[in-house]
């Protein structure tokens, strides 16, 4: 490292120390939202569906505007089709959030099944190459399959709560990690 280059790690640590309160507040808010989502998973699932609906709708509308402003660009029709699909997906999710929640839960099941199988295959590849800690990768893949099995075994009842519960758990763990990081940064030397 040259003498003129700033130490990025030190700059990051200093910034983290200076703004630890903001990270702490964000972490607390995420934990509260996560606990609310865990306590009321059907409402959280519907909220996720509505937010995704708006994201698709707005993203698709922006994509349509951008595509029409570049009519001579390569792939114009594909870009137009992609933006139109996003608008349609957003409209469908917003028109019937309950049905959208069901669809998103089935997508979540498919993700857990496919990702679980892929991660397990990757774990065997890592084992074959003698790389360390392949067992953790295997465990992650198995956990994906177990989550899919839990959701599938409870159908149709799990459709109402699975997405909201998993989002809530993710928010709680994300918030806890931000709180831990903030408290550590507060106690560190600037």
C-alpha atoms as a PDB file:
ATOM      1  CA  UNK A   1       0.000   0.000   0.000  1.00  0.00           C
ATOM      2  CA  UNK A   2       1.395   3.390  -0.897  1.00  0.00           C
ATOM      3  CA  UNK A   3       1.587   6.263   1.552  1.00  0.00           C
ATOM      4  CA  UNK A   4      -0.844   8.313  -0.556  1.00  0.00           C
ATOM      5  CA  UNK A   5      -3.594   5.685  -0.523  1.00  0.00           C
ATOM      6  CA  UNK A   6      -6.041   5.974   2.357  1.00  0.00           C
ATOM      7  CA  UNK A   7      -6.554   2.890   4.475  1.00  0.00           C
ATOM      8  CA  UNK A   8     -10.101   1.942   3.458  1.00  0.00           C
ATOM      9  CA  UNK A   9     -10.532  -0.388   6.411  1.00  0.00           C
ATOM     10  CA  UNK A  10      -9.637   2.361   8.868  1.00  0.00           C
ATOM     11  CA  UNK A  11     -11.962   4.797   7.092  1.00  0.00           C
ATOM     12  CA  UNK A  12     -14.783   2.279   7.244  1.00  0.00           C
ATOM     13  CA  UNK A  13     -14.218   1.550  10.934  1.00  0.00           C
ATOM     14  CA  UNK A  14     -14.088   5.280  11.726  1.00  0.00           C
ATOM     15  CA  UNK A  15     -17.319   5.916   9.815  1.00  0.00           C
ATOM     16  CA  UNK A  16     -18.979   2.964  11.547  1.00  0.00           C
ATOM     17  CA  UNK A  17     -17.857   4.282  14.932  1.00  0.00           C
ATOM     18  CA  UNK A  18     -19.091   7.796  14.122  1.00  0.00           C
ATOM     19  CA  UNK A  19     -22.535   6.580  12.999  1.00  0.00           C
ATOM     20  CA  UNK A  20     -23.130   3.647  15.335  1.00  0.00           C
ATOM     21  CA  UNK A  21     -26.375   5.198  16.635  1.00  0.00           C
ATOM     22  CA  UNK A  22     -27.950   5.152  13.161  1.00  0.00           C
ATOM     23  CA  UNK A  23     -27.102   1.452  12.779  1.00  0.00           C
ATOM     24  CA  UNK A  24     -28.469   0.759  16.262  1.00  0.00           C
ATOM     25  CA  UNK A  25     -31.757   2.526  15.488  1.00  0.00           C
ATOM     26  CA  UNK A  26     -32.078   0.697  12.170  1.00  0.00           C
ATOM     27  CA  UNK A  27     -31.414  -2.618  13.904  1.00  0.00           C
ATOM     28  CA  UNK A  28     -34.019  -1.941  16.597  1.00  0.00           C
ATOM     29  CA  UNK A  29     -36.607  -0.963  13.970  1.00  0.00           C
ATOM     30  CA  UNK A  30     -35.885  -4.151  11.982  1.00  0.00           C
ATOM     31  CA  UNK A  31     -36.216  -6.318  15.113  1.00  0.00           C
ATOM     32  CA  UNK A  32     -39.551  -4.653  15.984  1.00  0.00           C
ATOM     33  CA  UNK A  33     -40.852  -5.113  12.423  1.00  0.00           C
ATOM     34  CA  UNK A  34     -39.615  -8.706  12.438  1.00  0.00           C
ATOM     35  CA  UNK A  35     -41.370  -9.489  15.720  1.00  0.00           C
ATOM     36  CA  UNK A  36     -44.558  -7.919  14.356  1.00  0.00           C
ATOM     37  CA  UNK A  37     -44.250 -10.043  11.203  1.00  0.00           C
ATOM     38  CA  UNK A  38     -43.708 -13.200  13.276  1.00  0.00           C
ATOM     39  CA  UNK A  39     -46.692 -12.325  15.487  1.00  0.00           C
ATOM     40  CA  UNK A  40     -48.940 -11.567  12.493  1.00  0.00           C
ATOM     41  CA  UNK A  41     -47.548 -13.570   9.558  1.00  0.00           C
ATOM     42  CA  UNK A  42     -50.663 -13.353   7.336  1.00  0.00           C
ATOM     43  CA  UNK A  43     -50.593  -9.535   7.503  1.00  0.00           C
ATOM     44  CA  UNK A  44     -46.825  -9.498   6.930  1.00  0.00           C
ATOM     45  CA  UNK A  45     -47.235 -11.799   3.931  1.00  0.00           C
ATOM     46  CA  UNK A  46     -49.871  -9.512   2.439  1.00  0.00           C
ATOM     47  CA  UNK A  47     -47.641  -6.486   3.101  1.00  0.00           C
ATOM     48  CA  UNK A  48     -44.747  -8.168   1.284  1.00  0.00           C
ATOM     49  CA  UNK A  49     -47.074  -8.975  -1.609  1.00  0.00           C
ATOM     50  CA  UNK A  50     -48.274  -5.359  -1.881  1.00  0.00           C
ATOM     51  CA  UNK A  51     -44.722  -3.962  -1.683  1.00  0.00           C
ATOM     52  CA  UNK A  52     -43.556  -6.377  -4.396  1.00  0.00           C
ATOM     53  CA  UNK A  53     -46.582  -5.429  -6.476  1.00  0.00           C
ATOM     54  CA  UNK A  54     -45.668  -1.750  -6.311  1.00  0.00           C
ATOM     55  CA  UNK A  55     -42.002  -2.494  -7.037  1.00  0.00           C
ATOM     56  CA  UNK A  56     -42.917  -4.488 -10.151  1.00  0.00           C
ATOM     57  CA  UNK A  57     -45.459  -1.906 -11.285  1.00  0.00           C
ATOM     58  CA  UNK A  58     -43.169   1.107 -10.844  1.00  0.00           C
ATOM     59  CA  UNK A  59     -40.113  -0.722 -12.186  1.00  0.00           C
ATOM     60  CA  UNK A  60     -42.056  -1.891 -15.223  1.00  0.00           C
ATOM     61  CA  UNK A  61     -43.459   1.586 -15.892  1.00  0.00           C
ATOM     62  CA  UNK A  62     -39.974   3.102 -15.711  1.00  0.00           C
ATOM     63  CA  UNK A  63     -38.746   0.310 -17.993  1.00  0.00           C
ATOM     64  CA  UNK A  64     -41.484   1.076 -20.532  1.00  0.00           C
ATOM     65  CA  UNK A  65     -40.631   4.771 -20.551  1.00  0.00           C
ATOM     66  CA  UNK A  66     -36.907   4.050 -20.905  1.00  0.00           C
ATOM     67  CA  UNK A  67     -37.527   1.498 -23.654  1.00  0.00           C
ATOM     68  CA  UNK A  68     -39.731   3.829 -25.692  1.00  0.00           C
ATOM     69  CA  UNK A  69     -37.031   6.491 -25.442  1.00  0.00           C
ATOM     70  CA  UNK A  70     -34.550   4.066 -27.048  1.00  0.00           C
ATOM     71  CA  UNK A  71     -36.543   2.616 -29.965  1.00  0.00           C
ATOM     72  CA  UNK A  72     -33.433   1.942 -32.045  1.00  0.00           C
ATOM     73  CA  UNK A  73     -31.521   0.135 -29.295  1.00  0.00           C
ATOM     74  CA  UNK A  74     -30.705  -3.537 -29.812  1.00  0.00           C
ATOM     75  CA  UNK A  75     -33.185  -5.812 -28.054  1.00  0.00           C
ATOM     76  CA  UNK A  76     -35.929  -3.164 -28.086  1.00  0.00           C
ATOM     77  CA  UNK A  77     -38.768  -5.707 -28.333  1.00  0.00           C
ATOM     78  CA  UNK A  78     -37.303  -7.894 -25.577  1.00  0.00           C
ATOM     79  CA  UNK A  79     -36.896  -4.882 -23.290  1.00  0.00           C
ATOM     80  CA  UNK A  80     -40.448  -3.812 -24.087  1.00  0.00           C
ATOM     81  CA  UNK A  81     -41.736  -7.324 -23.338  1.00  0.00           C
ATOM     82  CA  UNK A  82     -39.788  -7.484 -20.065  1.00  0.00           C
ATOM     83  CA  UNK A  83     -41.128  -4.124 -18.880  1.00  0.00           C
ATOM     84  CA  UNK A  84     -44.685  -5.072 -19.857  1.00  0.00           C
ATOM     85  CA  UNK A  85     -44.406  -8.348 -17.904  1.00  0.00           C
ATOM     86  CA  UNK A  86     -43.225  -6.397 -14.832  1.00  0.00           C
ATOM     87  CA  UNK A  87     -46.210  -4.026 -15.117  1.00  0.00           C
ATOM     88  CA  UNK A  88     -48.549  -7.006 -15.511  1.00  0.00           C
ATOM     89  CA  UNK A  89     -47.025  -8.840 -12.525  1.00  0.00           C
ATOM     90  CA  UNK A  90     -47.302  -5.720 -10.371  1.00  0.00           C
ATOM     91  CA  UNK A  91     -50.889  -5.158 -11.429  1.00  0.00           C
ATOM     92  CA  UNK A  92     -51.841  -8.766 -10.674  1.00  0.00           C
ATOM     93  CA  UNK A  93     -50.221  -8.662  -7.223  1.00  0.00           C
ATOM     94  CA  UNK A  94     -51.927  -5.366  -6.378  1.00  0.00           C
ATOM     95  CA  UNK A  95     -55.319  -6.335  -7.810  1.00  0.00           C
ATOM     96  CA  UNK A  96     -55.542  -9.433  -5.604  1.00  0.00           C
ATOM     97  CA  UNK A  97     -52.906  -9.495  -2.856  1.00  0.00           C
ATOM     98  CA  UNK A  98     -54.354 -12.657  -1.267  1.00  0.00           C
ATOM     99  CA  UNK A  99     -53.951 -14.580  -4.512  1.00  0.00           C
ATOM    100  CA  UNK A 100     -50.537 -12.985  -4.944  1.00  0.00           C
ATOM    101  CA  UNK A 101     -49.551 -14.229  -1.484  1.00  0.00           C
ATOM    102  CA  UNK A 102     -50.496 -17.757  -2.528  1.00  0.00           C
ATOM    103  CA  UNK A 103     -48.481 -17.461  -5.733  1.00  0.00           C
ATOM    104  CA  UNK A 104     -45.458 -16.037  -3.898  1.00  0.00           C
ATOM    105  CA  UNK A 105     -45.618 -18.875  -1.371  1.00  0.00           C
ATOM    106  CA  UNK A 106     -45.521 -21.437  -4.209  1.00  0.00           C
ATOM    107  CA  UNK A 107     -42.558 -19.564  -5.697  1.00  0.00           C
ATOM    108  CA  UNK A 108     -40.897 -19.722  -2.265  1.00  0.00           C
ATOM    109  CA  UNK A 109     -41.473 -23.507  -2.126  1.00  0.00           C
ATOM    110  CA  UNK A 110     -39.965 -23.919  -5.600  1.00  0.00           C
ATOM    111  CA  UNK A 111     -36.981 -21.776  -4.585  1.00  0.00           C
ATOM    112  CA  UNK A 112     -36.323 -23.834  -1.444  1.00  0.00           C
ATOM    113  CA  UNK A 113     -36.570 -27.108  -3.386  1.00  0.00           C
ATOM    114  CA  UNK A 114     -34.357 -26.043  -6.298  1.00  0.00           C
ATOM    115  CA  UNK A 115     -31.847 -24.154  -4.151  1.00  0.00           C
ATOM    116  CA  UNK A 116     -31.647 -27.015  -1.666  1.00  0.00           C
ATOM    117  CA  UNK A 117     -30.847 -29.548  -4.373  1.00  0.00           C
ATOM    118  CA  UNK A 118     -28.281 -27.250  -6.007  1.00  0.00           C
ATOM    119  CA  UNK A 119     -26.563 -26.532  -2.674  1.00  0.00           C
ATOM    120  CA  UNK A 120     -26.388 -30.254  -1.831  1.00  0.00           C
ATOM    121  CA  UNK A 121     -24.842 -31.011  -5.243  1.00  0.00           C
ATOM    122  CA  UNK A 122     -22.338 -28.188  -4.687  1.00  0.00           C
ATOM    123  CA  UNK A 123     -21.505 -29.629  -1.257  1.00  0.00           C
ATOM    124  CA  UNK A 124     -20.683 -32.993  -2.841  1.00  0.00           C
ATOM    125  CA  UNK A 125     -18.504 -31.200  -5.406  1.00  0.00           C
ATOM    126  CA  UNK A 126     -16.637 -29.425  -2.620  1.00  0.00           C
ATOM    127  CA  UNK A 127     -16.242 -32.706  -0.744  1.00  0.00           C
ATOM    128  CA  UNK A 128     -14.823 -34.356  -3.852  1.00  0.00           C
ATOM    129  CA  UNK A 129     -12.312 -31.518  -4.203  1.00  0.00           C
ATOM    130  CA  UNK A 130     -11.373 -31.894  -0.520  1.00  0.00           C
ATOM    131  CA  UNK A 131     -12.305 -28.320   0.342  1.00  0.00           C
ATOM    132  CA  UNK A 132     -13.059 -27.668   3.976  1.00  0.00           C
ATOM    133  CA  UNK A 133     -16.417 -27.039   5.559  1.00  0.00           C
ATOM    134  CA  UNK A 134     -18.484 -28.713   2.853  1.00  0.00           C
ATOM    135  CA  UNK A 135     -20.677 -30.055   5.666  1.00  0.00           C
ATOM    136  CA  UNK A 136     -22.027 -26.553   6.366  1.00  0.00           C
ATOM    137  CA  UNK A 137     -22.964 -26.193   2.732  1.00  0.00           C
ATOM    138  CA  UNK A 138     -24.701 -29.576   2.877  1.00  0.00           C
ATOM    139  CA  UNK A 139     -26.572 -28.502   6.009  1.00  0.00           C
ATOM    140  CA  UNK A 140     -27.764 -25.343   4.243  1.00  0.00           C
ATOM    141  CA  UNK A 141     -29.125 -27.382   1.347  1.00  0.00           C
ATOM    142  CA  UNK A 142     -30.841 -29.848   3.675  1.00  0.00           C
ATOM    143  CA  UNK A 143     -32.393 -26.953   5.634  1.00  0.00           C
ATOM    144  CA  UNK A 144     -33.824 -25.554   2.384  1.00  0.00           C
ATOM    145  CA  UNK A 145     -35.419 -28.941   1.659  1.00  0.00           C
ATOM    146  CA  UNK A 146     -36.776 -29.188   5.219  1.00  0.00           C
ATOM    147  CA  UNK A 147     -38.329 -25.704   4.948  1.00  0.00           C
ATOM    148  CA  UNK A 148     -39.942 -26.681   1.638  1.00  0.00           C
ATOM    149  CA  UNK A 149     -41.247 -29.908   3.194  1.00  0.00           C
ATOM    150  CA  UNK A 150     -42.707 -28.040   6.183  1.00  0.00           C
ATOM    151  CA  UNK A 151     -44.524 -25.591   3.926  1.00  0.00           C
ATOM    152  CA  UNK A 152     -45.735 -28.358   1.551  1.00  0.00           C
ATOM    153  CA  UNK A 153     -46.884 -30.640   4.379  1.00  0.00           C
ATOM    154  CA  UNK A 154     -49.035 -27.869   5.815  1.00  0.00           C
ATOM    155  CA  UNK A 155     -50.724 -26.860   2.561  1.00  0.00           C
ATOM    156  CA  UNK A 156     -53.105 -25.156   2.175  1.00  0.00           C
ATOM    157  CA  UNK A 157     -52.834 -23.701   5.702  1.00  0.00           C
ATOM    158  CA  UNK A 158     -49.201 -22.650   5.303  1.00  0.00           C
ATOM    159  CA  UNK A 159     -50.150 -20.385   2.409  1.00  0.00           C
ATOM    160  CA  UNK A 160     -51.457 -17.846   4.908  1.00  0.00           C
ATOM    161  CA  UNK A 161     -48.399 -17.641   7.164  1.00  0.00           C
ATOM    162  CA  UNK A 162     -45.216 -19.064   5.607  1.00  0.00           C
ATOM    163  CA  UNK A 163     -44.063 -16.007   3.659  1.00  0.00           C
ATOM    164  CA  UNK A 164     -44.785 -13.547   6.483  1.00  0.00           C
ATOM    165  CA  UNK A 165     -43.100 -15.758   9.090  1.00  0.00           C
ATOM    166  CA  UNK A 166     -39.944 -16.214   7.033  1.00  0.00           C
ATOM    167  CA  UNK A 167     -39.731 -12.486   6.285  1.00  0.00           C
ATOM    168  CA  UNK A 168     -40.178 -11.795  10.014  1.00  0.00           C
ATOM    169  CA  UNK A 169     -37.398 -14.204  10.965  1.00  0.00           C
ATOM    170  CA  UNK A 170     -35.118 -12.603   8.386  1.00  0.00           C
ATOM    171  CA  UNK A 171     -35.893  -9.118   9.726  1.00  0.00           C
ATOM    172  CA  UNK A 172     -35.176 -10.160  13.320  1.00  0.00           C
ATOM    173  CA  UNK A 173     -31.813 -11.725  12.445  1.00  0.00           C
ATOM    174  CA  UNK A 174     -30.863  -8.803  10.203  1.00  0.00           C
ATOM    175  CA  UNK A 175     -31.799  -6.338  12.942  1.00  0.00           C
ATOM    176  CA  UNK A 176     -29.898  -8.280  15.605  1.00  0.00           C
ATOM    177  CA  UNK A 177     -26.777  -8.302  13.454  1.00  0.00           C
ATOM    178  CA  UNK A 178     -27.033  -4.518  12.956  1.00  0.00           C
ATOM    179  CA  UNK A 179     -27.483  -4.008  16.705  1.00  0.00           C
ATOM    180  CA  UNK A 180     -24.429  -6.175  17.449  1.00  0.00           C
ATOM    181  CA  UNK A 181     -22.390  -4.311  14.837  1.00  0.00           C
ATOM    182  CA  UNK A 182     -23.490  -0.924  16.214  1.00  0.00           C
ATOM    183  CA  UNK A 183     -22.659  -1.835  19.809  1.00  0.00           C
ATOM    184  CA  UNK A 184     -19.290  -3.181  18.775  1.00  0.00           C
ATOM    185  CA  UNK A 185     -18.577  -0.002  16.780  1.00  0.00           C
ATOM    186  CA  UNK A 186     -19.614   2.157  19.745  1.00  0.00           C
ATOM    187  CA  UNK A 187     -17.089   0.430  21.973  1.00  0.00           C
ATOM    188  CA  UNK A 188     -14.264   0.471  19.439  1.00  0.00           C
ATOM    189  CA  UNK A 189     -11.651   3.179  19.198  1.00  0.00           C
ATOM    190  CA  UNK A 190     -12.306   5.639  16.397  1.00  0.00           C
END
